[in-house]
N, C-alpha and C. Protein backbone atom coordinates (compact mmCIF):
# COMPACT_ATOMS: atom_id res chain seq x y z
N UNK A 1 0.84 -1.19 0.00
CA UNK A 1 0.00 0.00 0.00
C UNK A 1 0.88 1.25 0.00
N UNK A 2 0.63 2.15 -0.94
CA UNK A 2 1.40 3.38 -1.03
C UNK A 2 0.70 4.49 -0.25
N UNK A 3 1.47 5.20 0.56
CA UNK A 3 0.91 6.30 1.32
C UNK A 3 0.79 7.54 0.44
N UNK A 4 -0.27 8.30 0.64
CA UNK A 4 -0.43 9.56 -0.07
C UNK A 4 0.59 10.57 0.44
N UNK A 5 1.07 11.41 -0.44
CA UNK A 5 2.02 12.45 -0.05
C UNK A 5 1.25 13.71 0.28
N UNK A 6 1.52 14.26 1.46
CA UNK A 6 0.89 15.50 1.89
C UNK A 6 1.74 16.67 1.39
N UNK A 7 1.10 17.66 0.78
CA UNK A 7 1.82 18.83 0.29
C UNK A 7 1.71 19.95 1.32
N UNK A 8 2.86 20.51 1.68
CA UNK A 8 2.90 21.55 2.70
C UNK A 8 3.79 22.72 2.25
N UNK A 9 3.54 23.86 2.85
CA UNK A 9 4.39 25.04 2.68
C UNK A 9 4.98 25.37 4.04
N UNK A 10 6.28 25.64 4.07
CA UNK A 10 6.98 26.01 5.31
C UNK A 10 7.77 27.28 5.06
N UNK A 11 8.07 28.01 6.14
CA UNK A 11 8.76 29.29 5.98
C UNK A 11 9.87 29.48 7.00
N UNK A 12 11.00 29.91 6.48
CA UNK A 12 12.04 30.47 7.34
C UNK A 12 11.61 31.91 7.56
N UNK A 13 11.19 32.25 8.77
CA UNK A 13 10.71 33.60 9.08
C UNK A 13 11.85 34.36 9.74
N UNK A 14 12.25 35.47 9.11
CA UNK A 14 13.37 36.26 9.60
C UNK A 14 12.88 37.66 9.96
N UNK A 15 13.06 38.04 11.23
CA UNK A 15 12.68 39.36 11.70
C UNK A 15 13.88 40.29 11.50
N UNK A 16 13.71 41.30 10.65
CA UNK A 16 14.83 42.18 10.33
C UNK A 16 15.29 43.01 11.53
N UNK A 17 14.38 43.31 12.47
CA UNK A 17 14.75 44.07 13.66
C UNK A 17 15.51 43.24 14.67
N UNK A 18 15.03 42.03 14.90
CA UNK A 18 15.67 41.14 15.87
C UNK A 18 16.89 40.43 15.30
N UNK A 19 16.95 40.36 13.97
CA UNK A 19 18.00 39.62 13.27
C UNK A 19 18.03 38.15 13.72
N UNK A 20 16.83 37.59 13.85
CA UNK A 20 16.68 36.20 14.26
C UNK A 20 15.56 35.54 13.48
N UNK A 21 15.59 34.21 13.51
CA UNK A 21 14.57 33.39 12.87
C UNK A 21 13.57 32.89 13.89
N UNK A 22 12.32 32.74 13.47
CA UNK A 22 11.25 32.25 14.32
C UNK A 22 11.01 30.77 14.05
N UNK A 23 10.99 29.97 15.09
CA UNK A 23 10.60 28.57 14.97
C UNK A 23 9.44 28.34 15.93
N UNK A 24 8.64 27.34 15.64
CA UNK A 24 7.43 27.07 16.42
C UNK A 24 7.43 25.63 16.92
N UNK A 25 6.85 25.44 18.09
CA UNK A 25 6.70 24.09 18.65
C UNK A 25 5.22 23.73 18.59
N UNK A 26 4.95 22.60 17.98
CA UNK A 26 3.58 22.17 17.76
C UNK A 26 2.92 21.61 19.01
N UNK A 27 1.60 21.75 19.09
CA UNK A 27 0.82 21.09 20.14
C UNK A 27 0.46 19.67 19.71
N UNK A 28 0.77 19.33 18.46
CA UNK A 28 0.46 18.02 17.90
C UNK A 28 1.75 17.22 17.71
N UNK A 29 1.67 15.90 17.63
CA UNK A 29 2.87 15.10 17.41
C UNK A 29 3.57 15.53 16.14
N UNK A 30 4.87 15.53 16.11
CA UNK A 30 5.82 14.96 17.06
C UNK A 30 6.30 15.92 18.15
N UNK A 31 5.63 17.03 18.38
CA UNK A 31 5.89 17.95 19.50
C UNK A 31 7.28 18.56 19.48
N UNK A 32 7.84 18.83 18.32
CA UNK A 32 9.16 19.42 18.26
C UNK A 32 9.09 20.78 17.57
N UNK A 33 10.20 21.52 17.64
CA UNK A 33 10.25 22.80 16.95
C UNK A 33 10.36 22.56 15.45
N UNK A 34 9.74 23.42 14.68
CA UNK A 34 9.71 23.27 13.23
C UNK A 34 9.57 24.63 12.57
N UNK A 35 9.71 24.64 11.26
CA UNK A 35 9.43 25.84 10.50
C UNK A 35 7.92 26.03 10.46
N UNK A 36 7.42 27.24 10.72
CA UNK A 36 5.98 27.46 10.62
C UNK A 36 5.46 27.22 9.22
N UNK A 37 4.21 26.82 9.16
CA UNK A 37 3.55 26.56 7.88
C UNK A 37 2.57 25.42 8.04
N UNK A 38 2.11 24.89 6.91
CA UNK A 38 1.16 23.80 6.97
C UNK A 38 0.71 23.37 5.59
N UNK A 39 -0.39 22.64 5.56
CA UNK A 39 -0.89 22.04 4.34
C UNK A 39 -1.31 23.03 3.28
N UNK A 40 -1.12 22.63 2.02
CA UNK A 40 -1.54 23.43 0.87
C UNK A 40 -2.92 22.94 0.45
N UNK A 41 -3.89 23.85 0.42
CA UNK A 41 -5.25 23.50 0.00
C UNK A 41 -5.33 23.22 -1.49
N UNK A 42 -6.39 22.55 -1.89
CA UNK A 42 -6.55 22.15 -3.29
C UNK A 42 -6.61 23.33 -4.25
N UNK A 43 -7.13 24.46 -3.81
CA UNK A 43 -7.31 25.60 -4.71
C UNK A 43 -6.38 26.75 -4.38
N UNK A 44 -5.23 26.46 -3.75
CA UNK A 44 -4.30 27.55 -3.45
C UNK A 44 -2.88 27.20 -3.87
N UNK A 45 -2.11 28.23 -4.09
CA UNK A 45 -0.70 28.04 -4.42
C UNK A 45 0.07 27.82 -3.12
N UNK A 46 1.31 27.40 -3.26
CA UNK A 46 2.16 27.20 -2.08
C UNK A 46 2.35 28.52 -1.34
N UNK A 47 2.52 29.63 -2.07
CA UNK A 47 2.69 30.93 -1.40
C UNK A 47 1.41 31.36 -0.69
N UNK A 48 0.27 31.14 -1.30
CA UNK A 48 -1.00 31.46 -0.64
C UNK A 48 -1.14 30.65 0.64
N UNK A 49 -0.74 29.38 0.59
CA UNK A 49 -0.84 28.50 1.76
C UNK A 49 0.06 28.99 2.89
N UNK A 50 1.29 29.37 2.56
CA UNK A 50 2.19 29.81 3.63
C UNK A 50 1.68 31.11 4.24
N UNK A 51 1.15 32.01 3.43
CA UNK A 51 0.56 33.25 3.97
C UNK A 51 -0.61 32.94 4.90
N UNK A 52 -1.49 32.04 4.45
CA UNK A 52 -2.66 31.67 5.26
C UNK A 52 -2.23 31.03 6.58
N UNK A 53 -1.29 30.09 6.50
CA UNK A 53 -0.83 29.39 7.70
C UNK A 53 -0.16 30.35 8.69
N UNK A 54 0.63 31.28 8.21
CA UNK A 54 1.28 32.24 9.10
C UNK A 54 0.24 33.11 9.81
N UNK A 55 -0.81 33.47 9.10
CA UNK A 55 -1.89 34.26 9.71
C UNK A 55 -2.64 33.42 10.75
N UNK A 56 -2.99 32.19 10.37
CA UNK A 56 -3.77 31.32 11.27
C UNK A 56 -2.98 30.93 12.52
N UNK A 57 -1.73 30.52 12.34
CA UNK A 57 -0.96 29.97 13.46
C UNK A 57 -0.29 31.02 14.34
N UNK A 58 0.12 32.15 13.72
CA UNK A 58 0.95 33.11 14.46
C UNK A 58 0.46 34.55 14.37
N UNK A 59 -0.63 34.78 13.66
CA UNK A 59 -1.17 36.12 13.47
C UNK A 59 -0.21 37.03 12.70
N UNK A 60 0.56 36.45 11.78
CA UNK A 60 1.45 37.24 10.94
C UNK A 60 0.69 37.55 9.65
N UNK A 61 0.32 38.82 9.49
CA UNK A 61 -0.45 39.23 8.32
C UNK A 61 0.41 39.89 7.27
N UNK A 62 -0.21 40.19 6.16
CA UNK A 62 0.49 40.81 5.03
C UNK A 62 1.15 42.12 5.43
N UNK A 63 0.55 42.83 6.38
CA UNK A 63 1.11 44.11 6.81
C UNK A 63 2.46 43.94 7.51
N UNK A 64 2.76 42.74 7.99
CA UNK A 64 4.03 42.46 8.66
C UNK A 64 5.07 41.84 7.74
N UNK A 65 4.65 41.44 6.55
CA UNK A 65 5.55 40.74 5.63
C UNK A 65 6.21 41.73 4.69
N UNK A 66 7.54 41.73 4.69
CA UNK A 66 8.31 42.59 3.79
C UNK A 66 8.52 41.88 2.47
N UNK A 67 8.88 40.60 2.52
CA UNK A 67 9.11 39.85 1.28
C UNK A 67 8.93 38.36 1.52
N UNK A 68 8.58 37.67 0.44
CA UNK A 68 8.51 36.21 0.44
C UNK A 68 9.27 35.73 -0.78
N UNK A 69 10.20 34.80 -0.57
CA UNK A 69 10.98 34.24 -1.67
C UNK A 69 10.92 32.72 -1.60
N UNK A 70 10.67 32.09 -2.73
CA UNK A 70 10.71 30.63 -2.79
C UNK A 70 12.16 30.18 -2.72
N UNK A 71 12.45 29.20 -1.88
CA UNK A 71 13.82 28.69 -1.75
C UNK A 71 14.00 27.36 -2.47
N UNK A 72 13.16 26.38 -2.15
CA UNK A 72 13.32 25.08 -2.80
C UNK A 72 12.19 24.15 -2.40
N UNK A 73 12.14 22.99 -3.07
CA UNK A 73 11.23 21.91 -2.67
C UNK A 73 12.02 20.93 -1.83
N UNK A 74 11.34 20.29 -0.89
CA UNK A 74 11.97 19.28 -0.07
C UNK A 74 11.02 18.13 0.17
N UNK A 75 11.56 17.02 0.64
CA UNK A 75 10.74 15.86 0.99
C UNK A 75 11.14 15.40 2.37
N UNK A 76 10.16 14.96 3.15
CA UNK A 76 10.43 14.45 4.49
C UNK A 76 9.29 13.52 4.88
N UNK A 77 9.38 12.96 6.07
CA UNK A 77 8.30 12.15 6.62
C UNK A 77 7.97 12.70 8.00
N UNK A 78 6.69 12.78 8.29
CA UNK A 78 6.21 13.18 9.61
C UNK A 78 5.27 12.09 10.08
N UNK A 79 5.62 11.47 11.19
CA UNK A 79 4.84 10.35 11.73
C UNK A 79 4.64 9.26 10.68
N UNK A 80 5.65 9.06 9.85
CA UNK A 80 5.60 7.99 8.85
C UNK A 80 4.91 8.36 7.55
N UNK A 81 4.37 9.57 7.45
CA UNK A 81 3.70 10.00 6.24
C UNK A 81 4.63 10.86 5.39
N UNK A 82 4.75 10.57 4.10
CA UNK A 82 5.60 11.40 3.24
C UNK A 82 5.00 12.79 3.05
N UNK A 83 5.87 13.78 3.07
CA UNK A 83 5.49 15.17 2.86
C UNK A 83 6.36 15.77 1.77
N UNK A 84 5.74 16.51 0.87
CA UNK A 84 6.46 17.30 -0.12
C UNK A 84 6.30 18.75 0.31
N UNK A 85 7.44 19.44 0.49
CA UNK A 85 7.40 20.80 1.03
C UNK A 85 7.87 21.81 0.01
N UNK A 86 7.16 22.94 -0.03
CA UNK A 86 7.66 24.13 -0.70
C UNK A 86 8.17 25.01 0.43
N UNK A 87 9.44 25.36 0.36
CA UNK A 87 10.08 26.10 1.45
C UNK A 87 10.35 27.53 1.00
N UNK A 88 9.91 28.48 1.82
CA UNK A 88 10.03 29.90 1.52
C UNK A 88 10.89 30.60 2.56
N UNK A 89 11.38 31.76 2.20
CA UNK A 89 12.02 32.68 3.13
C UNK A 89 11.08 33.88 3.25
N UNK A 90 10.71 34.23 4.47
CA UNK A 90 9.78 35.32 4.71
C UNK A 90 10.45 36.34 5.62
N UNK A 91 10.56 37.56 5.14
CA UNK A 91 11.13 38.65 5.92
C UNK A 91 9.99 39.45 6.54
N UNK A 92 10.07 39.70 7.85
CA UNK A 92 8.97 40.36 8.57
C UNK A 92 9.51 41.49 9.45
N UNK A 93 8.55 42.30 9.95
CA UNK A 93 8.88 43.35 10.91
C UNK A 93 7.65 43.64 11.77
N UNK A 94 7.86 44.23 12.92
CA UNK A 94 6.79 44.69 13.82
C UNK A 94 5.74 43.62 14.12
N UNK A 95 6.19 42.48 14.61
CA UNK A 95 5.26 41.38 14.87
C UNK A 95 4.62 41.48 16.25
N UNK A 96 3.34 41.24 16.29
CA UNK A 96 2.63 41.02 17.53
C UNK A 96 2.05 39.61 17.37
N UNK A 97 2.79 38.64 17.86
CA UNK A 97 2.43 37.25 17.61
C UNK A 97 1.34 36.80 18.58
N UNK A 98 0.36 36.11 18.04
CA UNK A 98 -0.71 35.52 18.82
C UNK A 98 -0.80 34.06 18.38
N UNK A 99 -0.49 33.13 19.29
CA UNK A 99 -0.44 31.71 18.95
C UNK A 99 -1.83 31.11 18.83
N UNK A 100 -2.00 30.25 17.83
CA UNK A 100 -3.24 29.48 17.69
C UNK A 100 -3.13 28.23 18.56
N UNK A 101 -4.18 27.46 18.60
CA UNK A 101 -4.18 26.22 19.37
C UNK A 101 -3.16 25.22 18.84
N UNK A 102 -2.73 25.37 17.58
CA UNK A 102 -1.78 24.43 16.97
C UNK A 102 -0.34 24.64 17.43
N UNK A 103 -0.05 25.81 17.97
CA UNK A 103 1.32 26.16 18.35
C UNK A 103 1.43 26.25 19.87
N UNK A 104 2.32 25.46 20.42
CA UNK A 104 2.53 25.44 21.88
C UNK A 104 3.47 26.57 22.31
N UNK A 105 4.52 26.81 21.52
CA UNK A 105 5.51 27.82 21.88
C UNK A 105 6.26 28.27 20.63
N UNK A 106 6.90 29.42 20.75
CA UNK A 106 7.77 29.90 19.68
C UNK A 106 9.12 30.22 20.30
N UNK A 107 10.10 30.34 19.44
CA UNK A 107 11.45 30.68 19.89
C UNK A 107 12.15 31.45 18.77
N UNK A 108 12.86 32.50 19.15
CA UNK A 108 13.68 33.25 18.20
C UNK A 108 15.09 32.73 18.31
N UNK A 109 15.68 32.36 17.17
CA UNK A 109 17.03 31.78 17.16
C UNK A 109 17.89 32.45 16.10
N UNK A 110 19.19 32.39 16.32
CA UNK A 110 20.14 32.90 15.33
C UNK A 110 20.25 31.91 14.18
N UNK A 111 20.88 32.34 13.13
CA UNK A 111 21.11 31.46 11.98
C UNK A 111 21.89 30.22 12.40
N UNK A 112 22.87 30.40 13.26
CA UNK A 112 23.68 29.26 13.72
C UNK A 112 22.85 28.30 14.58
N UNK A 113 21.99 28.83 15.44
CA UNK A 113 21.15 27.99 16.30
C UNK A 113 20.08 27.24 15.51
N UNK A 114 19.68 27.81 14.41
CA UNK A 114 18.60 27.24 13.60
C UNK A 114 18.86 25.78 13.23
N UNK A 115 20.10 25.47 12.90
CA UNK A 115 20.45 24.12 12.48
C UNK A 115 20.16 23.07 13.55
N UNK A 116 20.25 23.43 14.81
CA UNK A 116 20.03 22.48 15.90
C UNK A 116 18.55 22.13 16.07
N UNK A 117 17.66 23.00 15.60
CA UNK A 117 16.23 22.80 15.83
C UNK A 117 15.47 22.25 14.65
N UNK A 118 15.95 22.53 13.45
CA UNK A 118 15.17 22.24 12.26
C UNK A 118 15.55 20.88 11.67
N UNK A 119 14.53 20.14 11.27
CA UNK A 119 14.70 18.86 10.59
C UNK A 119 15.64 19.05 9.40
N UNK A 120 16.61 18.17 9.27
CA UNK A 120 17.60 18.32 8.19
C UNK A 120 16.95 18.35 6.81
N UNK A 121 15.79 17.72 6.65
CA UNK A 121 15.11 17.73 5.36
C UNK A 121 14.58 19.12 5.00
N UNK A 122 14.37 19.97 6.02
CA UNK A 122 13.86 21.32 5.78
C UNK A 122 14.97 22.33 5.54
N UNK A 123 16.17 21.97 5.94
CA UNK A 123 17.27 22.94 5.84
C UNK A 123 17.62 23.21 4.38
N UNK A 124 18.01 24.42 4.14
CA UNK A 124 18.53 24.82 2.84
C UNK A 124 19.99 25.15 3.06
N UNK A 125 20.70 25.39 2.00
CA UNK A 125 22.10 25.76 2.16
C UNK A 125 22.20 27.04 2.99
N UNK A 126 23.10 27.04 3.94
CA UNK A 126 23.26 28.20 4.80
C UNK A 126 23.61 29.44 3.96
N UNK A 127 24.29 29.24 2.86
CA UNK A 127 24.62 30.36 1.98
C UNK A 127 23.36 31.04 1.46
N UNK A 128 22.32 30.24 1.17
CA UNK A 128 21.06 30.80 0.69
C UNK A 128 20.43 31.69 1.75
N UNK A 129 20.42 31.23 3.00
CA UNK A 129 19.84 32.02 4.08
C UNK A 129 20.71 33.24 4.37
N UNK A 130 22.00 33.10 4.28
CA UNK A 130 22.89 34.25 4.49
C UNK A 130 22.58 35.34 3.47
N UNK A 131 22.35 34.96 2.22
CA UNK A 131 22.01 35.94 1.17
C UNK A 131 20.68 36.62 1.50
N UNK A 132 19.75 35.84 2.01
CA UNK A 132 18.42 36.34 2.31
C UNK A 132 18.43 37.38 3.42
N UNK A 133 19.26 37.18 4.45
CA UNK A 133 19.22 38.07 5.61
C UNK A 133 20.10 39.30 5.47
N UNK A 134 20.85 39.39 4.41
CA UNK A 134 21.73 40.56 4.23
C UNK A 134 21.04 41.66 3.47
C-alpha cells in the first residue's frame, strides 16, 4: 500500500529588527520545533498557503511581511507519512504574535542555532539564508 504524499508550505521567518529566525513548537505530534507553515489547500498556491498558515498559526499578516521568496522543494516524513514541502524565506517586521491552538511555543534563534532545531530535510544551504538576511 502506497501512502499519499501531503503537500505543505513552510517558511524560514526572519525578523529584520531582531536579526533572528522564528521557529514554532507544535501542540500536535511529534511535539518538536519546526518551521511554521502547513498544508496546501486544493485551490491555493504554495505561497497562498504559507501566507494563510502564518496568519492562522501566528497572526502574521500581510502588513508584517516585507518579502517572500521561494527557496526550494523538499521531501520528508512526519509520523511515517511522506510530505512534499515548498520552502520559503519570509522577511517580517513589527510582529505582535498571537499563537493558535496548533502552536505550543515559539522561539527566536540565530542562523547558527537554527540548524540544531530544524529537521535536516527542511534545511537549505546556509549560503542561501545568508544571502536572504543581508
